[in-house]
Each structure stands twice: as structure tokens, then as C-alpha cells.
């Protein structure tokens, strides 16, 4: 359950430019 949430957050961070 938590792993899925973490993966979703990581994908969102990677999809959006962090600069």
C-alpha cells in the first residue's frame, strides 16, 4: 500500500520539472 503511494509520488516528481 505504502509502496504504491511512494511510486506514484516519485513518478509525479519525475514528470514535473524540479527547477
N, C-alpha and C. Protein backbone atom coordinates (compact mmCIF):
# COMPACT_ATOMS: atom_id res chain seq x y z
N UNK A 1 0.84 -1.21 0.00
CA UNK A 1 0.00 0.00 0.00
C UNK A 1 0.88 1.26 0.00
N UNK A 2 1.80 1.30 0.94
CA UNK A 2 2.70 2.46 1.03
C UNK A 2 3.63 2.51 -0.17
N UNK A 3 4.06 1.36 -0.63
CA UNK A 3 4.98 1.32 -1.78
C UNK A 3 4.33 1.93 -3.01
N UNK A 4 3.05 1.66 -3.20
CA UNK A 4 2.34 2.23 -4.36
C UNK A 4 2.30 3.74 -4.28
N UNK A 5 2.04 4.25 -3.08
CA UNK A 5 1.99 5.71 -2.89
C UNK A 5 3.35 6.33 -3.17
N UNK A 6 4.40 5.70 -2.67
CA UNK A 6 5.76 6.21 -2.88
C UNK A 6 6.10 6.22 -4.37
N UNK A 7 5.74 5.17 -5.07
CA UNK A 7 6.00 5.08 -6.51
C UNK A 7 5.24 6.18 -7.25
N UNK A 8 4.01 6.43 -6.87
CA UNK A 8 3.22 7.49 -7.51
C UNK A 8 3.85 8.85 -7.27
N UNK A 9 4.30 9.10 -6.07
CA UNK A 9 4.94 10.38 -5.75
C UNK A 9 6.22 10.56 -6.55
N UNK A 10 7.01 9.51 -6.65
CA UNK A 10 8.26 9.57 -7.41
C UNK A 10 7.98 9.85 -8.88
N UNK A 11 6.96 9.19 -9.43
CA UNK A 11 6.61 9.41 -10.83
C UNK A 11 6.16 10.84 -11.06
N UNK A 12 5.41 11.38 -10.13
CA UNK A 12 4.96 12.77 -10.26
C UNK A 12 6.14 13.73 -10.20
N UNK A 13 7.07 13.47 -9.28
CA UNK A 13 8.25 14.33 -9.17
C UNK A 13 9.10 14.26 -10.43
N UNK A 14 9.17 13.09 -11.03
CA UNK A 14 9.98 12.92 -12.24
C UNK A 14 9.30 13.55 -13.44
N UNK A 15 7.99 13.51 -13.46
CA UNK A 15 7.25 14.06 -14.60
C UNK A 15 7.29 15.59 -14.60
N UNK A 16 7.24 16.18 -13.40
CA UNK A 16 7.30 17.63 -13.31
C UNK A 16 8.74 18.11 -13.14
N UNK A 17 9.12 19.16 -13.88
CA UNK A 17 10.48 19.71 -13.76
C UNK A 17 10.70 20.29 -12.36
N UNK A 18 11.80 19.93 -11.73
CA UNK A 18 12.06 20.41 -10.37
C UNK A 18 13.10 21.53 -10.39
N UNK A 19 12.86 22.49 -11.23
CA UNK A 19 13.77 23.65 -11.28
C UNK A 19 13.01 24.89 -11.73
